[in-house]
Amino acid sequence: MKAITHLAAFTLGAAALVGSAFATTLEGWSTDLEAAFKEAKEKDKAVLVEFTGSDWCPPCIAMRKNVFSKKEFVEKASENYILVELDFPKGDPELKKKNQPYAKKYEIEGYPTVILFDSDGKEFTRFFASRHPTVEKFLAHIEKALEDKDLL
């Protein structure tokens, strides 16, 4: 009986930790794409949107842990981008349903997908975030993408 009680306590504790891992918005990130487009226009910034499955997609979980949650990433990326996370968690059907129209509109085919938009809301590139798995590599990629956009 004692072992069952410990197992139940452990299971509930683990579930709470996993639940809190995807239930929170990252500091410096928005979850409102329309507000982000408005802010980008006002501040003449680009918009970085990450489409993620925070509680079921291993590359998404790794990117959140190793890149997107890092203070140095958020500070540097926020110089030129408004950061938006659109999550599609299995553990939160309401959030998934709320974000589903965006996945359809932007024809998301895999996770974690990142789309970069200019200040007018026009897409200028997209890629799988996990191809740039460190803060340094990801920042270099989005900085180059912004430079290349201006050459078009």
C-alpha atoms as a PDB file:
ATOM      1  CA  MET A   1       0.000   0.000   0.000  1.00  0.00           C
ATOM      2  CA  LYS A   2       2.829   2.358   0.893  1.00  0.00           C
ATOM      3  CA  ALA A   3       4.461   1.733  -2.504  1.00  0.00           C
ATOM      4  CA  ILE A   4       1.213   2.560  -4.308  1.00  0.00           C
ATOM      5  CA  THR A   5       0.895   5.813  -2.353  1.00  0.00           C
ATOM      6  CA  HIS A   6       4.462   6.799  -3.285  1.00  0.00           C
ATOM      7  CA  LEU A   7       3.872   5.852  -6.916  1.00  0.00           C
ATOM      8  CA  ALA A   8       0.692   7.943  -7.027  1.00  0.00           C
ATOM      9  CA  ALA A   9       2.461  10.932  -5.457  1.00  0.00           C
ATOM     10  CA  PHE A  10       5.354  10.615  -7.908  1.00  0.00           C
ATOM     11  CA  THR A  11       3.006  10.324 -10.888  1.00  0.00           C
ATOM     12  CA  LEU A  12       1.003  13.388  -9.858  1.00  0.00           C
ATOM     13  CA  GLY A  13       4.183  15.353  -9.210  1.00  0.00           C
ATOM     14  CA  ALA A  14       5.618  14.422 -12.605  1.00  0.00           C
ATOM     15  CA  ALA A  15       2.360  15.336 -14.322  1.00  0.00           C
ATOM     16  CA  ALA A  16       2.384  18.727 -12.605  1.00  0.00           C
ATOM     17  CA  LEU A  17       5.940  19.370 -13.766  1.00  0.00           C
ATOM     18  CA  VAL A  18       5.171  18.361 -17.340  1.00  0.00           C
ATOM     19  CA  GLY A  19       1.963  20.378 -17.303  1.00  0.00           C
ATOM     20  CA  SER A  20       3.719  23.501 -16.076  1.00  0.00           C
ATOM     21  CA  ALA A  21       6.426  23.088 -18.707  1.00  0.00           C
ATOM     22  CA  PHE A  22       4.005  23.827 -21.539  1.00  0.00           C
ATOM     23  CA  ALA A  23       1.314  25.803 -19.748  1.00  0.00           C
ATOM     24  CA  THR A  24       3.384  28.946 -19.336  1.00  0.00           C
ATOM     25  CA  THR A  25       4.187  31.601 -21.871  1.00  0.00           C
ATOM     26  CA  LEU A  26       7.887  32.223 -22.197  1.00  0.00           C
ATOM     27  CA  GLU A  27       9.160  35.562 -20.938  1.00  0.00           C
ATOM     28  CA  GLY A  28       9.480  38.014 -23.811  1.00  0.00           C
ATOM     29  CA  TRP A  29       7.098  36.042 -26.054  1.00  0.00           C
ATOM     30  CA  SER A  30       3.522  36.793 -27.076  1.00  0.00           C
ATOM     31  CA  THR A  31       0.768  34.343 -27.933  1.00  0.00           C
ATOM     32  CA  ASP A  32      -1.329  36.902 -29.834  1.00  0.00           C
ATOM     33  CA  LEU A  33      -0.316  37.025 -33.491  1.00  0.00           C
ATOM     34  CA  GLU A  34      -2.633  39.864 -34.462  1.00  0.00           C
ATOM     35  CA  ALA A  35      -1.339  42.069 -31.621  1.00  0.00           C
ATOM     36  CA  ALA A  36       2.220  41.179 -32.645  1.00  0.00           C
ATOM     37  CA  PHE A  37       1.588  42.309 -36.233  1.00  0.00           C
ATOM     38  CA  LYS A  38       0.179  45.599 -34.931  1.00  0.00           C
ATOM     39  CA  GLU A  39       3.191  46.115 -32.621  1.00  0.00           C
ATOM     40  CA  ALA A  40       5.605  45.240 -35.448  1.00  0.00           C
ATOM     41  CA  LYS A  41       4.027  47.884 -37.663  1.00  0.00           C
ATOM     42  CA  GLU A  42       4.259  50.513 -34.894  1.00  0.00           C
ATOM     43  CA  LYS A  43       7.880  49.667 -34.029  1.00  0.00           C
ATOM     44  CA  ASP A  44       9.045  48.790 -37.570  1.00  0.00           C
ATOM     45  CA  LYS A  45      10.149  45.309 -36.517  1.00  0.00           C
ATOM     46  CA  ALA A  46       9.808  41.886 -38.063  1.00  0.00           C
ATOM     47  CA  VAL A  47       7.741  39.105 -36.469  1.00  0.00           C
ATOM     48  CA  LEU A  48       9.085  35.660 -35.593  1.00  0.00           C
ATOM     49  CA  VAL A  49       6.345  33.057 -35.124  1.00  0.00           C
ATOM     50  CA  GLU A  50       7.130  29.625 -33.759  1.00  0.00           C
ATOM     51  CA  PHE A  51       4.522  26.908 -34.305  1.00  0.00           C
ATOM     52  CA  THR A  52       5.117  24.326 -31.587  1.00  0.00           C
ATOM     53  CA  GLY A  53       3.744  21.203 -29.953  1.00  0.00           C
ATOM     54  CA  SER A  54       5.111  21.942 -26.503  1.00  0.00           C
ATOM     55  CA  ASP A  55       3.980  18.769 -24.775  1.00  0.00           C
ATOM     56  CA  TRP A  56       4.411  16.110 -27.455  1.00  0.00           C
ATOM     57  CA  CYS A  57       7.058  17.206 -30.006  1.00  0.00           C
ATOM     58  CA  PRO A  58      10.619  16.313 -28.899  1.00  0.00           C
ATOM     59  CA  PRO A  59      12.352  18.864 -31.193  1.00  0.00           C
ATOM     60  CA  CYS A  60       9.914  21.561 -29.988  1.00  0.00           C
ATOM     61  CA  ILE A  61      10.633  20.751 -26.355  1.00  0.00           C
ATOM     62  CA  ALA A  62      14.387  20.825 -27.011  1.00  0.00           C
ATOM     63  CA  MET A  63      14.186  24.176 -28.831  1.00  0.00           C
ATOM     64  CA  ARG A  64      12.171  25.712 -26.007  1.00  0.00           C
ATOM     65  CA  LYS A  65      14.655  24.479 -23.429  1.00  0.00           C
ATOM     66  CA  ASN A  66      17.880  25.197 -25.326  1.00  0.00           C
ATOM     67  CA  VAL A  67      17.035  28.339 -27.320  1.00  0.00           C
ATOM     68  CA  PHE A  68      13.666  30.055 -26.926  1.00  0.00           C
ATOM     69  CA  SER A  69      13.670  30.240 -23.107  1.00  0.00           C
ATOM     70  CA  LYS A  70      17.210  31.622 -22.896  1.00  0.00           C
ATOM     71  CA  LYS A  71      17.477  35.235 -21.784  1.00  0.00           C
ATOM     72  CA  GLU A  72      20.303  35.949 -24.238  1.00  0.00           C
ATOM     73  CA  PHE A  73      18.153  34.701 -27.122  1.00  0.00           C
ATOM     74  CA  VAL A  74      15.090  36.710 -26.152  1.00  0.00           C
ATOM     75  CA  GLU A  75      17.085  39.909 -25.604  1.00  0.00           C
ATOM     76  CA  LYS A  76      18.993  39.705 -28.900  1.00  0.00           C
ATOM     77  CA  ALA A  77      16.107  38.448 -31.061  1.00  0.00           C
ATOM     78  CA  SER A  78      13.776  41.111 -29.620  1.00  0.00           C
ATOM     79  CA  GLU A  79      15.988  43.849 -31.016  1.00  0.00           C
ATOM     80  CA  ASN A  80      14.604  43.131 -34.504  1.00  0.00           C
ATOM     81  CA  TYR A  81      11.661  40.787 -33.968  1.00  0.00           C
ATOM     82  CA  ILE A  82       8.395  40.564 -32.086  1.00  0.00           C
ATOM     83  CA  LEU A  83       8.408  36.972 -30.765  1.00  0.00           C
ATOM     84  CA  VAL A  84       5.228  34.895 -30.964  1.00  0.00           C
ATOM     85  CA  GLU A  85       4.636  31.313 -29.879  1.00  0.00           C
ATOM     86  CA  LEU A  86       1.611  29.487 -31.272  1.00  0.00           C
ATOM     87  CA  ASP A  87       1.277  26.247 -29.362  1.00  0.00           C
ATOM     88  CA  PHE A  88      -0.638  23.099 -30.319  1.00  0.00           C
ATOM     89  CA  PRO A  89      -0.414  21.020 -27.115  1.00  0.00           C
ATOM     90  CA  LYS A  90      -2.239  17.734 -26.757  1.00  0.00           C
ATOM     91  CA  GLY A  91      -2.780  18.562 -23.078  1.00  0.00           C
ATOM     92  CA  ASP A  92      -4.698  21.778 -23.806  1.00  0.00           C
ATOM     93  CA  PRO A  93      -7.354  21.170 -26.473  1.00  0.00           C
ATOM     94  CA  GLU A  94      -8.749  24.712 -26.137  1.00  0.00           C
ATOM     95  CA  LEU A  95      -5.389  26.326 -26.916  1.00  0.00           C
ATOM     96  CA  LYS A  96      -4.839  23.941 -29.801  1.00  0.00           C
ATOM     97  CA  LYS A  97      -8.289  24.798 -31.182  1.00  0.00           C
ATOM     98  CA  LYS A  98      -7.649  28.537 -30.762  1.00  0.00           C
ATOM     99  CA  ASN A  99      -4.402  28.338 -32.764  1.00  0.00           C
ATOM    100  CA  GLN A 100      -5.612  25.867 -35.405  1.00  0.00           C
ATOM    101  CA  PRO A 101      -6.783  28.541 -37.881  1.00  0.00           C
ATOM    102  CA  TYR A 102      -3.209  29.886 -38.025  1.00  0.00           C
ATOM    103  CA  ALA A 103      -1.768  26.446 -38.750  1.00  0.00           C
ATOM    104  CA  LYS A 104      -4.270  26.107 -41.578  1.00  0.00           C
ATOM    105  CA  LYS A 105      -3.760  29.640 -42.914  1.00  0.00           C
ATOM    106  CA  TYR A 106       0.016  29.295 -43.014  1.00  0.00           C
ATOM    107  CA  GLU A 107      -0.058  25.646 -44.161  1.00  0.00           C
ATOM    108  CA  ILE A 108       2.082  24.296 -41.333  1.00  0.00           C
ATOM    109  CA  GLU A 109       3.360  20.841 -42.255  1.00  0.00           C
ATOM    110  CA  GLY A 110       5.604  20.059 -39.289  1.00  0.00           C
ATOM    111  CA  TYR A 111       6.804  21.252 -35.925  1.00  0.00           C
ATOM    112  CA  PRO A 112       8.666  23.289 -34.816  1.00  0.00           C
ATOM    113  CA  THR A 113       8.127  25.582 -37.803  1.00  0.00           C
ATOM    114  CA  VAL A 114       9.247  29.193 -37.645  1.00  0.00           C
ATOM    115  CA  ILE A 115       7.882  31.812 -40.022  1.00  0.00           C
ATOM    116  CA  LEU A 116       9.437  35.265 -40.289  1.00  0.00           C
ATOM    117  CA  PHE A 117       7.233  38.176 -41.356  1.00  0.00           C
ATOM    118  CA  ASP A 118       8.184  41.752 -42.184  1.00  0.00           C
ATOM    119  CA  SER A 119       6.584  44.700 -40.384  1.00  0.00           C
ATOM    120  CA  ASP A 120       3.731  44.667 -42.923  1.00  0.00           C
ATOM    121  CA  GLY A 121       2.880  41.047 -42.084  1.00  0.00           C
ATOM    122  CA  LYS A 122       4.336  39.615 -45.283  1.00  0.00           C
ATOM    123  CA  GLU A 123       6.138  36.275 -44.893  1.00  0.00           C
ATOM    124  CA  PHE A 124       9.750  36.379 -46.030  1.00  0.00           C
ATOM    125  CA  THR A 125      11.007  32.960 -44.932  1.00  0.00           C
ATOM    126  CA  ARG A 126      10.153  29.808 -43.028  1.00  0.00           C
ATOM    127  CA  PHE A 127      12.191  26.925 -41.662  1.00  0.00           C
ATOM    128  CA  PHE A 128      12.243  24.143 -39.101  1.00  0.00           C
ATOM    129  CA  ALA A 129      13.612  25.632 -35.893  1.00  0.00           C
ATOM    130  CA  SER A 130      15.426  22.438 -34.949  1.00  0.00           C
ATOM    131  CA  ARG A 131      17.881  22.972 -37.835  1.00  0.00           C
ATOM    132  CA  HIS A 132      19.441  25.706 -35.680  1.00  0.00           C
ATOM    133  CA  PRO A 133      19.571  24.059 -32.228  1.00  0.00           C
ATOM    134  CA  THR A 134      21.658  26.577 -30.274  1.00  0.00           C
ATOM    135  CA  VAL A 135      21.145  30.215 -29.373  1.00  0.00           C
ATOM    136  CA  GLU A 136      24.146  31.226 -31.486  1.00  0.00           C
ATOM    137  CA  LYS A 137      23.100  29.266 -34.586  1.00  0.00           C
ATOM    138  CA  PHE A 138      19.481  30.378 -34.369  1.00  0.00           C
ATOM    139  CA  LEU A 139      20.368  34.048 -33.917  1.00  0.00           C
ATOM    140  CA  ALA A 140      22.820  33.903 -36.822  1.00  0.00           C
ATOM    141  CA  HIS A 141      20.146  32.341 -39.040  1.00  0.00           C
ATOM    142  CA  ILE A 142      17.446  34.914 -38.272  1.00  0.00           C
ATOM    143  CA  GLU A 143      19.893  37.809 -38.593  1.00  0.00           C
ATOM    144  CA  LYS A 144      20.962  36.569 -42.034  1.00  0.00           C
ATOM    145  CA  ALA A 145      17.327  36.036 -43.034  1.00  0.00           C
ATOM    146  CA  LEU A 146      16.570  39.649 -42.128  1.00  0.00           C
ATOM    147  CA  GLU A 147      19.557  40.888 -44.152  1.00  0.00           C
ATOM    148  CA  ASP A 148      18.590  38.713 -47.141  1.00  0.00           C
ATOM    149  CA  LYS A 149      14.999  39.993 -46.982  1.00  0.00           C
ATOM    150  CA  ASP A 150      16.249  43.536 -47.480  1.00  0.00           C
ATOM    151  CA  LEU A 151      18.133  42.452 -50.614  1.00  0.00           C
ATOM    152  CA  LEU A 152      14.981  41.198 -52.333  1.00  0.00           C
END
